[in-house]
Amino acid sequence: MAQAQVDRNDEIYRRRREMKEELSSLGDLHSIRKLVVSSEKP
């Protein structure tokens, strides 16, 4: 059970890093507002 929690936390961490990189690549406010935030990969 503890390993499942560690795996889930790692998955959340990786997804947050991906979203942060995607957000950093956006150049204007309109693009940022169009960004869909989701816990699932597109």
PDB file of N, CA and C in Angstrom:
ATOM      1  N   MET A   1       0.829  -1.204   0.000  1.00  0.00           N
ATOM      2  CA  MET A   1       0.000   0.000   0.000  1.00  0.00           C
ATOM      3  C   MET A   1       0.867   1.261   0.000  1.00  0.00           C
ATOM      4  N   ALA A   2       1.924   1.233   0.778  1.00  0.00           N
ATOM      5  CA  ALA A   2       2.809   2.394   0.813  1.00  0.00           C
ATOM      6  C   ALA A   2       3.464   2.615  -0.551  1.00  0.00           C
ATOM      7  N   GLN A   3       3.817   1.518  -1.230  1.00  0.00           N
ATOM      8  CA  GLN A   3       4.432   1.643  -2.551  1.00  0.00           C
ATOM      9  C   GLN A   3       3.456   2.246  -3.550  1.00  0.00           C
ATOM     10  N   ALA A   4       2.180   1.902  -3.434  1.00  0.00           N
ATOM     11  CA  ALA A   4       1.165   2.470  -4.323  1.00  0.00           C
ATOM     12  C   ALA A   4       1.084   3.983  -4.136  1.00  0.00           C
ATOM     13  N   GLN A   5       1.180   4.442  -2.900  1.00  0.00           N
ATOM     14  CA  GLN A   5       1.139   5.878  -2.625  1.00  0.00           C
ATOM     15  C   GLN A   5       2.377   6.572  -3.191  1.00  0.00           C
ATOM     16  N   VAL A   6       3.528   5.935  -3.044  1.00  0.00           N
ATOM     17  CA  VAL A   6       4.769   6.489  -3.596  1.00  0.00           C
ATOM     18  C   VAL A   6       4.659   6.591  -5.115  1.00  0.00           C
ATOM     19  N   ASP A   7       4.139   5.543  -5.751  1.00  0.00           N
ATOM     20  CA  ASP A   7       3.971   5.554  -7.206  1.00  0.00           C
ATOM     21  C   ASP A   7       3.022   6.659  -7.644  1.00  0.00           C
ATOM     22  N   ARG A   8       1.932   6.824  -6.926  1.00  0.00           N
ATOM     23  CA  ARG A   8       0.953   7.868  -7.268  1.00  0.00           C
ATOM     24  C   ARG A   8       1.561   9.259  -7.104  1.00  0.00           C
ATOM     25  N   ASN A   9       2.292   9.461  -6.015  1.00  0.00           N
ATOM     26  CA  ASN A   9       2.939  10.756  -5.796  1.00  0.00           C
ATOM     27  C   ASN A   9       3.953  11.056  -6.894  1.00  0.00           C
ATOM     28  N   ASP A  10       4.683  10.024  -7.336  1.00  0.00           N
ATOM     29  CA  ASP A  10       5.645  10.197  -8.418  1.00  0.00           C
ATOM     30  C   ASP A  10       4.936  10.569  -9.717  1.00  0.00           C
ATOM     31  N   GLU A  11       3.809   9.932  -9.982  1.00  0.00           N
ATOM     32  CA  GLU A  11       3.020  10.236 -11.176  1.00  0.00           C
ATOM     33  C   GLU A  11       2.531  11.685 -11.151  1.00  0.00           C
ATOM     34  N   ILE A  12       2.055  12.124  -9.996  1.00  0.00           N
ATOM     35  CA  ILE A  12       1.591  13.508  -9.840  1.00  0.00           C
ATOM     36  C   ILE A  12       2.750  14.478 -10.059  1.00  0.00           C
ATOM     37  N   TYR A  13       3.898  14.175  -9.478  1.00  0.00           N
ATOM     38  CA  TYR A  13       5.078  15.034  -9.627  1.00  0.00           C
ATOM     39  C   TYR A  13       5.468  15.162 -11.099  1.00  0.00           C
ATOM     40  N   ARG A  14       5.519  14.025 -11.811  1.00  0.00           N
ATOM     41  CA  ARG A  14       5.896  14.059 -13.220  1.00  0.00           C
ATOM     42  C   ARG A  14       4.904  14.864 -14.040  1.00  0.00           C
ATOM     43  N   ARG A  15       3.616  14.698 -13.776  1.00  0.00           N
ATOM     44  CA  ARG A  15       2.594  15.444 -14.528  1.00  0.00           C
ATOM     45  C   ARG A  15       2.695  16.942 -14.251  1.00  0.00           C
ATOM     46  N   ARG A  16       2.953  17.317 -13.008  1.00  0.00           N
ATOM     47  CA  ARG A  16       3.109  18.734 -12.673  1.00  0.00           C
ATOM     48  C   ARG A  16       4.305  19.340 -13.401  1.00  0.00           C
ATOM     49  N   ARG A  17       5.414  18.577 -13.503  1.00  0.00           N
ATOM     50  CA  ARG A  17       6.592  19.058 -14.229  1.00  0.00           C
ATOM     51  C   ARG A  17       6.269  19.260 -15.710  1.00  0.00           C
ATOM     52  N   GLU A  18       5.532  18.311 -16.297  1.00  0.00           N
ATOM     53  CA  GLU A  18       5.147  18.432 -17.706  1.00  0.00           C
ATOM     54  C   GLU A  18       4.285  19.667 -17.927  1.00  0.00           C
ATOM     55  N   MET A  19       3.329  19.890 -17.036  1.00  0.00           N
ATOM     56  CA  MET A  19       2.441  21.040 -17.165  1.00  0.00           C
ATOM     57  C   MET A  19       3.222  22.340 -16.997  1.00  0.00           C
ATOM     58  N   LYS A  20       4.181  22.347 -16.071  1.00  0.00           N
ATOM     59  CA  LYS A  20       4.997  23.539 -15.859  1.00  0.00           C
ATOM     60  C   LYS A  20       5.810  23.861 -17.108  1.00  0.00           C
ATOM     61  N   GLU A  21       6.398  22.842 -17.729  1.00  0.00           N
ATOM     62  CA  GLU A  21       7.168  23.058 -18.947  1.00  0.00           C
ATOM     63  C   GLU A  21       6.275  23.565 -20.075  1.00  0.00           C
ATOM     64  N   GLU A  22       5.082  22.986 -20.188  1.00  0.00           N
ATOM     65  CA  GLU A  22       4.147  23.425 -21.224  1.00  0.00           C
ATOM     66  C   GLU A  22       3.746  24.881 -20.999  1.00  0.00           C
ATOM     67  N   LEU A  23       3.450  25.234 -19.766  1.00  0.00           N
ATOM     68  CA  LEU A  23       3.065  26.602 -19.442  1.00  0.00           C
ATOM     69  C   LEU A  23       4.205  27.574 -19.730  1.00  0.00           C
ATOM     70  N   SER A  24       5.426  27.173 -19.422  1.00  0.00           N
ATOM     71  CA  SER A  24       6.583  28.034 -19.664  1.00  0.00           C
ATOM     72  C   SER A  24       6.803  28.306 -21.144  1.00  0.00           C
ATOM     73  N   SER A  25       6.362  27.382 -21.992  1.00  0.00           N
ATOM     74  CA  SER A  25       6.578  27.548 -23.428  1.00  0.00           C
ATOM     75  C   SER A  25       5.547  28.466 -24.082  1.00  0.00           C
ATOM     76  N   LEU A  26       4.484  28.792 -23.367  1.00  0.00           N
ATOM     77  CA  LEU A  26       3.437  29.641 -23.940  1.00  0.00           C
ATOM     78  C   LEU A  26       3.882  31.098 -23.910  1.00  0.00           C
ATOM     79  N   GLY A  27       3.578  31.804 -24.984  1.00  0.00           N
ATOM     80  CA  GLY A  27       4.126  33.144 -25.141  1.00  0.00           C
ATOM     81  C   GLY A  27       3.214  34.297 -24.788  1.00  0.00           C
ATOM     82  N   ASP A  28       1.903  34.076 -24.748  1.00  0.00           N
ATOM     83  CA  ASP A  28       1.017  35.202 -24.483  1.00  0.00           C
ATOM     84  C   ASP A  28      -0.153  34.780 -23.586  1.00  0.00           C
ATOM     85  N   LEU A  29      -0.832  35.768 -23.061  1.00  0.00           N
ATOM     86  CA  LEU A  29      -1.919  35.526 -22.119  1.00  0.00           C
ATOM     87  C   LEU A  29      -3.040  34.711 -22.747  1.00  0.00           C
ATOM     88  N   HIS A  30      -3.343  34.969 -24.007  1.00  0.00           N
ATOM     89  CA  HIS A  30      -4.409  34.228 -24.692  1.00  0.00           C
ATOM     90  C   HIS A  30      -4.080  32.730 -24.737  1.00  0.00           C
ATOM     91  N   SER A  31      -2.847  32.388 -25.035  1.00  0.00           N
ATOM     92  CA  SER A  31      -2.427  30.987 -25.075  1.00  0.00           C
ATOM     93  C   SER A  31      -2.506  30.347 -23.696  1.00  0.00           C
ATOM     94  N   ILE A  32      -2.121  31.090 -22.691  1.00  0.00           N
ATOM     95  CA  ILE A  32      -2.171  30.576 -21.319  1.00  0.00           C
ATOM     96  C   ILE A  32      -3.614  30.311 -20.909  1.00  0.00           C
ATOM     97  N   ARG A  33      -4.514  31.220 -21.258  1.00  0.00           N
ATOM     98  CA  ARG A  33      -5.922  31.035 -20.899  1.00  0.00           C
ATOM     99  C   ARG A  33      -6.546  29.855 -21.630  1.00  0.00           C
ATOM    100  N   LYS A  34      -6.038  29.522 -22.819  1.00  0.00           N
ATOM    101  CA  LYS A  34      -6.566  28.392 -23.585  1.00  0.00           C
ATOM    102  C   LYS A  34      -6.038  27.051 -23.070  1.00  0.00           C
ATOM    103  N   LEU A  35      -4.988  27.082 -22.253  1.00  0.00           N
ATOM    104  CA  LEU A  35      -4.391  25.858 -21.741  1.00  0.00           C
ATOM    105  C   LEU A  35      -5.407  25.094 -20.893  1.00  0.00           C
ATOM    106  N   VAL A  36      -5.596  23.834 -21.217  1.00  0.00           N
ATOM    107  CA  VAL A  36      -6.512  22.982 -20.464  1.00  0.00           C
ATOM    108  C   VAL A  36      -5.701  22.252 -19.405  1.00  0.00           C
ATOM    109  N   VAL A  37      -6.064  22.458 -18.151  1.00  0.00           N
ATOM    110  CA  VAL A  37      -5.377  21.809 -17.043  1.00  0.00           C
ATOM    111  C   VAL A  37      -6.156  20.559 -16.676  1.00  0.00           C
ATOM    112  N   SER A  38      -5.449  19.447 -16.663  1.00  0.00           N
ATOM    113  CA  SER A  38      -6.080  18.163 -16.380  1.00  0.00           C
ATOM    114  C   SER A  38      -5.079  17.251 -15.691  1.00  0.00           C
ATOM    115  N   SER A  39      -5.583  16.317 -14.918  1.00  0.00           N
ATOM    116  CA  SER A  39      -4.699  15.339 -14.296  1.00  0.00           C
ATOM    117  C   SER A  39      -4.336  14.237 -15.273  1.00  0.00           C
ATOM    118  N   GLU A  40      -5.036  14.188 -16.397  1.00  0.00           N
ATOM    119  CA  GLU A  40      -4.775  13.183 -17.432  1.00  0.00           C
ATOM    120  C   GLU A  40      -3.930  13.798 -18.534  1.00  0.00           C
ATOM    121  N   LYS A  41      -3.065  12.982 -19.123  1.00  0.00           N
ATOM    122  CA  LYS A  41      -2.309  13.445 -20.280  1.00  0.00           C
ATOM    123  C   LYS A  41      -3.250  13.540 -21.467  1.00  0.00           C
ATOM    124  N   PRO A  42      -3.040  14.547 -22.329  1.00  0.00           N
ATOM    125  CA  PRO A  42      -3.918  14.691 -23.499  1.00  0.00           C
ATOM    126  C   PRO A  42      -3.759  13.541 -24.477  1.00  0.00           C
TER     127      PRO A  42
END
